[in-house]
Protein backbone atom coordinates (compact mmCIF):
# COMPACT_ATOMS: atom_id res chain seq x y z
CA MET A 1 -17.89 16.75 -15.97
CA VAL A 2 -17.14 15.97 -12.29
CA GLU A 3 -19.49 12.95 -12.38
CA GLN A 4 -17.74 11.66 -15.52
CA GLN A 5 -14.33 12.01 -13.83
CA GLU A 6 -15.57 10.20 -10.69
CA ALA A 7 -17.01 7.38 -12.80
CA SER A 8 -13.69 7.11 -14.64
CA GLU A 9 -11.80 6.95 -11.32
CA ASP A 10 -14.20 4.29 -10.05
CA ALA A 11 -13.52 2.29 -13.20
CA VAL A 12 -9.77 2.39 -12.45
CA MET A 13 -10.34 1.16 -8.89
CA THR A 14 -12.61 -1.57 -10.24
CA ARG A 15 -9.86 -2.70 -12.61
CA ILE A 16 -7.32 -2.64 -9.78
CA GLY A 17 -9.74 -4.68 -7.67
CA GLN A 18 -10.16 -7.23 -10.46
CA ALA A 19 -6.40 -7.67 -10.72
CA VAL A 20 -6.16 -7.99 -6.92
CA MET A 21 -8.74 -10.79 -7.08
CA LEU A 22 -6.59 -12.56 -9.66
CA LEU A 23 -3.55 -12.12 -7.41
CA HIS A 24 -5.37 -13.49 -4.37
CA GLY A 25 -6.71 -16.32 -6.53
CA GLY A 26 -3.14 -17.36 -7.33
CA ASP A 27 -2.75 -15.97 -10.86
CA ARG A 28 0.22 -13.70 -10.12
CA GLU A 29 1.33 -13.47 -13.75
CA GLU A 30 -2.03 -12.26 -15.08
CA ALA A 31 -2.36 -9.86 -12.13
CA ARG A 32 1.13 -8.52 -12.86
CA ASN A 33 0.22 -8.07 -16.54
CA ARG A 34 -2.97 -6.17 -15.72
CA PHE A 35 -1.25 -4.01 -13.11
CA GLY A 36 1.50 -3.21 -15.63
CA LEU A 37 -1.03 -2.15 -18.24
CA LEU A 38 -2.89 0.01 -15.73
CA TRP A 39 0.37 1.55 -14.50
CA SER A 40 1.28 2.66 -18.01
CA GLU A 41 -2.24 4.03 -18.55
CA LEU A 42 -2.12 6.04 -15.31
CA GLY A 43 1.25 7.58 -16.08
CA ALA A 44 3.29 9.80 -13.80
CA ASP A 45 0.42 12.28 -13.42
CA GLY A 46 -2.24 9.71 -12.54
CA ASP A 47 -4.32 9.93 -9.39
CA GLY A 48 -2.16 9.40 -6.31
CA LEU A 49 -4.53 6.94 -4.64
CA HIS A 50 -4.67 4.84 -7.82
CA ARG A 51 -0.90 4.88 -8.19
CA CYS A 52 -0.38 4.04 -4.51
CA THR A 53 -2.91 1.20 -4.49
CA LEU A 54 -1.69 -0.27 -7.76
CA ALA A 55 2.01 -0.15 -6.80
CA HIS A 56 1.20 -1.58 -3.36
CA TYR A 57 -0.35 -4.67 -4.95
CA MET A 58 2.06 -4.82 -7.90
CA ALA A 59 4.85 -5.37 -5.37
CA ASP A 60 3.13 -8.60 -4.29
CA THR A 61 3.37 -9.96 -7.85
CA GLN A 62 7.15 -9.65 -8.06
CA ASP A 63 9.49 -12.64 -7.94
CA ASP A 64 12.65 -10.63 -7.26
CA PRO A 65 12.95 -8.96 -3.81
CA GLY A 66 14.64 -5.93 -5.37
CA ASP A 67 11.71 -5.45 -7.77
CA GLU A 68 9.28 -5.88 -4.89
CA LEU A 69 11.13 -3.16 -2.96
CA ALA A 70 11.02 -0.83 -5.99
CA TRP A 71 7.23 -1.19 -6.27
CA ASP A 72 6.71 -0.72 -2.53
CA LEU A 73 8.81 2.45 -2.71
CA ARG A 74 6.64 3.68 -5.61
CA ALA A 75 3.54 3.06 -3.48
CA LEU A 76 4.97 5.05 -0.57
CA THR A 77 6.06 7.87 -2.88
CA ALA A 78 2.55 8.07 -4.39
CA ALA A 79 0.96 8.14 -0.93
CA GLU A 80 3.34 10.85 0.27
CA GLY A 81 2.65 12.89 -2.86
CA LEU A 82 -1.07 12.67 -2.31
CA SER A 83 -0.79 13.55 1.38
CA GLY A 84 1.42 16.51 0.55
CA GLU A 85 -0.82 17.76 -2.23
CA ARG A 86 -4.29 17.93 -0.82
CA PRO A 87 -4.93 15.77 2.23
CA ALA A 88 -8.01 17.62 3.43
CA GLU A 89 -9.53 17.94 -0.05
CA HIS A 90 -9.05 14.44 -1.37
CA ARG A 91 -12.08 12.25 -0.75
CA ASP A 92 -9.85 9.26 -0.08
CA SER A 93 -7.37 10.89 2.29
CA LEU A 94 -8.42 8.57 5.16
CA ALA A 95 -7.86 5.57 2.89
CA VAL A 96 -4.36 6.81 2.09
CA GLN A 97 -3.60 7.41 5.76
CA ALA A 98 -4.88 3.92 6.57
CA LEU A 99 -2.41 2.46 4.06
CA TYR A 100 0.71 3.88 5.74
CA PRO A 101 1.12 1.08 8.33
CA SER A 102 0.92 -1.53 5.58
CA LEU A 103 3.20 0.42 3.23
CA HIS A 104 5.93 0.66 5.87
CA LEU A 105 5.39 -2.95 6.96
CA ASN A 106 5.90 -4.13 3.39
CA LEU A 107 9.07 -2.05 3.09
CA ALA A 108 10.37 -3.53 6.35
CA ALA A 109 9.74 -7.04 5.02
CA ASP A 110 11.41 -6.16 1.71
CA TYR A 111 14.53 -4.86 3.43
CA LEU A 112 14.63 -7.96 5.63
CA LYS A 113 14.52 -10.20 2.53
CA LEU A 114 17.39 -8.15 1.12
CA GLN A 115 19.37 -8.66 4.35
CA ARG A 116 19.23 -5.02 5.32
CA PRO A 117 17.97 -5.29 8.93
CA ASP A 118 18.73 -1.67 9.87
CA ALA A 119 16.50 -0.35 7.08
CA ALA A 120 13.90 -2.97 8.01
CA ARG A 121 13.86 -1.76 11.62
CA ILE A 122 13.37 1.85 10.51
CA HIS A 123 10.29 0.97 8.44
CA LEU A 124 8.95 -1.38 11.09
CA HIS A 125 9.15 1.49 13.58
CA GLN A 126 7.35 3.74 11.06
CA ALA A 127 4.68 1.07 10.52
CA ARG A 128 4.05 0.88 14.27
CA GLY A 129 3.92 4.69 14.52
CA ALA A 130 1.50 4.99 11.60
CA ALA A 131 -0.76 2.33 13.14
CA ASP A 132 -0.69 4.14 16.48
CA ARG A 133 -1.54 7.47 14.82
CA LEU A 134 -4.56 5.88 13.16
CA GLU A 135 -5.74 4.54 16.50
CA ASP A 136 -5.17 7.94 18.16
CA ALA A 137 -7.22 9.56 15.39
CA GLY A 138 -10.12 7.27 16.20
CA SER A 139 -9.88 4.93 13.24
CA GLY A 140 -9.25 2.00 15.61
CA ALA A 141 -12.97 2.00 16.42
CA PRO A 142 -15.20 -0.48 14.63
CA GLY A 143 -15.57 0.62 11.04
CA PRO A 144 -14.40 -0.13 7.54
CA TYR A 145 -10.73 -0.46 8.54
CA SER A 146 -11.10 -2.32 11.85
CA GLY A 147 -10.40 -5.79 10.41
CA TYR A 148 -7.65 -4.41 8.22
CA ASP A 149 -6.13 -2.57 11.17
CA GLY A 150 -6.07 -5.73 13.30
CA GLY A 151 -4.44 -7.73 10.51
CA VAL A 152 -1.74 -5.13 9.93
CA ARG A 153 -1.04 -4.85 13.67
CA ALA A 154 -0.70 -8.64 13.92
CA ALA A 155 1.69 -8.65 10.96
CA ILE A 156 3.75 -5.86 12.56
CA GLU A 157 4.01 -7.91 15.74
CA ARG A 158 5.03 -11.05 13.82
CA LEU A 159 7.78 -9.18 11.98
CA GLU A 160 8.95 -7.54 15.21
CA GLU A 161 9.17 -10.99 16.80
CA ARG A 162 11.16 -12.33 13.84
CA MET A 163 13.58 -9.43 14.06
CA ARG A 164 14.15 -9.59 17.83
CA GLY A 165 16.84 -12.21 17.41
CA MET A 166 18.74 -10.21 14.80
């Protein structure tokens, strides 16, 4: 039964990954359609990592900055729910923790687009703190997140630079 559940969860992540490939390939509409279908299949009680990952990428398919913000908030809520539920038990707890810098960075960018610089600064500060906590925990060492970590840190610095004049 456990193996069947794990295979089912892997199938969801595979489908999310396929939609992400469409998004990165430039087919935002098809990616948005697939993410929407998956979101309705997962439902409110779906796996937190799936919901977080899906909402995180669904935000990138949105044309309206308010809709993008709503999806990024859903991603953060799903991550916080998972962290609060069972951080030590969940096999993907490190993956969720590694997402926090990016989740807050996206929220900062969303708020900036919506001309809410104070809210943007709050999330930018949280993104920096989450990135620092990952480094302090040892995840800054070479490993599966090292390239990701460097990219997120560079994006944090770019957004900080943009906001310095505000």
